[in-house]
Amino acid sequence: MSGMVYLLCAATSCLCAILLLRGYTQSRVRLLFWSGLCFVGLAMDNMLLYVDLVMIPDIDIAIWRRLPALVALTLLVYGLVWDTK
């Protein structure tokens, strides 16, 4: 059952990323771009969480699955702090 929750979280993050990036292409608001990239990274983190805990539970890839989330949040912080007017 927990595997289904991980996949639903990944699907939700993908949907948010798609909607944010589509909104960016229509309005060219830079915050939508950075938020969309953040959600792409969070979706990758959720997919790697599913792989780590459900598909290959014997191998611990916790450090590797946290890297996309770290990069995603770094991009969002960059967009919030340095790319605002």
Protein backbone atom coordinates (compact mmCIF):
# COMPACT_ATOMS: atom_id res chain seq x y z
CA MET A 1 0.00 0.00 0.00
CA SER A 2 2.85 2.40 0.72
CA GLY A 3 4.16 1.90 -2.81
CA MET A 4 0.89 3.24 -4.18
CA VAL A 5 1.24 6.36 -2.03
CA TYR A 6 4.78 6.95 -3.36
CA LEU A 7 3.56 6.63 -6.94
CA LEU A 8 0.61 8.96 -6.31
CA CYS A 9 2.97 11.54 -4.81
CA ALA A 10 5.22 11.26 -7.86
CA ALA A 11 2.23 11.63 -10.20
CA THR A 12 1.00 14.68 -8.30
CA SER A 13 4.43 16.29 -8.46
CA CYS A 14 4.63 15.58 -12.20
CA LEU A 15 1.21 17.12 -12.75
CA CYS A 16 2.18 20.22 -10.76
CA ALA A 17 5.41 20.53 -12.76
CA ILE A 18 3.53 20.23 -16.06
CA LEU A 19 0.97 22.83 -15.05
CA LEU A 20 3.58 25.27 -13.74
CA LEU A 21 5.80 24.95 -16.80
CA ARG A 22 2.81 25.28 -19.11
CA GLY A 23 1.81 28.42 -17.22
CA TYR A 24 5.33 29.72 -17.67
CA THR A 25 5.20 29.20 -21.44
CA GLN A 26 1.99 31.20 -21.60
CA SER A 27 2.82 34.07 -19.26
CA ARG A 28 6.64 34.13 -19.06
CA VAL A 29 6.55 34.72 -15.29
CA ARG A 30 9.97 33.54 -14.06
CA LEU A 31 8.67 32.32 -10.69
CA LEU A 32 6.53 29.75 -12.51
CA PHE A 33 9.65 28.49 -14.28
CA TRP A 34 11.63 28.02 -11.06
CA SER A 35 8.66 26.44 -9.31
CA GLY A 36 8.14 24.08 -12.24
CA LEU A 37 11.77 22.99 -12.13
CA CYS A 38 11.45 22.46 -8.40
CA PHE A 39 8.49 20.15 -8.89
CA VAL A 40 10.37 18.21 -11.58
CA GLY A 41 13.07 17.52 -9.00
CA LEU A 42 10.52 16.61 -6.35
CA ALA A 43 8.86 14.20 -8.76
CA MET A 44 12.23 12.58 -9.40
CA ASP A 45 12.76 12.32 -5.65
CA ASN A 46 9.41 10.59 -5.23
CA MET A 47 10.14 8.16 -8.06
CA LEU A 48 13.51 7.30 -6.55
CA LEU A 49 11.81 6.83 -3.19
CA TYR A 50 9.56 4.21 -4.79
CA VAL A 51 12.56 2.51 -6.40
CA ASP A 52 14.51 2.57 -3.13
CA LEU A 53 11.81 1.31 -0.78
CA VAL A 54 9.64 -0.89 -3.01
CA MET A 55 11.60 -2.16 -6.01
CA ILE A 56 15.05 -2.69 -4.46
CA PRO A 57 14.63 -2.62 -0.66
CA ASP A 58 17.93 -4.47 -0.10
CA ILE A 59 20.05 -1.64 -1.51
CA ASP A 60 20.05 1.69 0.30
CA ILE A 61 20.17 4.61 -2.14
CA ALA A 62 18.96 7.22 0.34
CA ILE A 63 21.78 9.65 -0.44
CA TRP A 64 21.20 9.40 -4.20
CA ARG A 65 17.46 9.82 -3.93
CA ARG A 66 17.83 13.01 -1.89
CA LEU A 67 20.00 14.74 -4.49
CA PRO A 68 17.11 15.65 -6.86
CA ALA A 69 15.20 17.21 -3.96
CA LEU A 70 18.27 19.18 -2.89
CA VAL A 71 18.82 20.48 -6.41
CA ALA A 72 15.10 21.24 -6.78
CA LEU A 73 14.88 23.27 -3.59
CA THR A 74 18.14 25.06 -4.43
CA LEU A 75 16.65 26.11 -7.76
CA LEU A 76 13.49 27.34 -6.04
CA VAL A 77 15.46 29.34 -3.48
CA TYR A 78 17.55 30.84 -6.29
CA GLY A 79 14.39 31.80 -8.14
CA LEU A 80 12.81 33.30 -5.05
CA VAL A 81 15.80 35.28 -3.83
CA TRP A 82 17.94 36.31 -6.78
CA ASP A 83 15.53 36.31 -9.68
CA THR A 84 12.83 38.58 -8.24
CA LYS A 85 12.42 42.22 -9.04
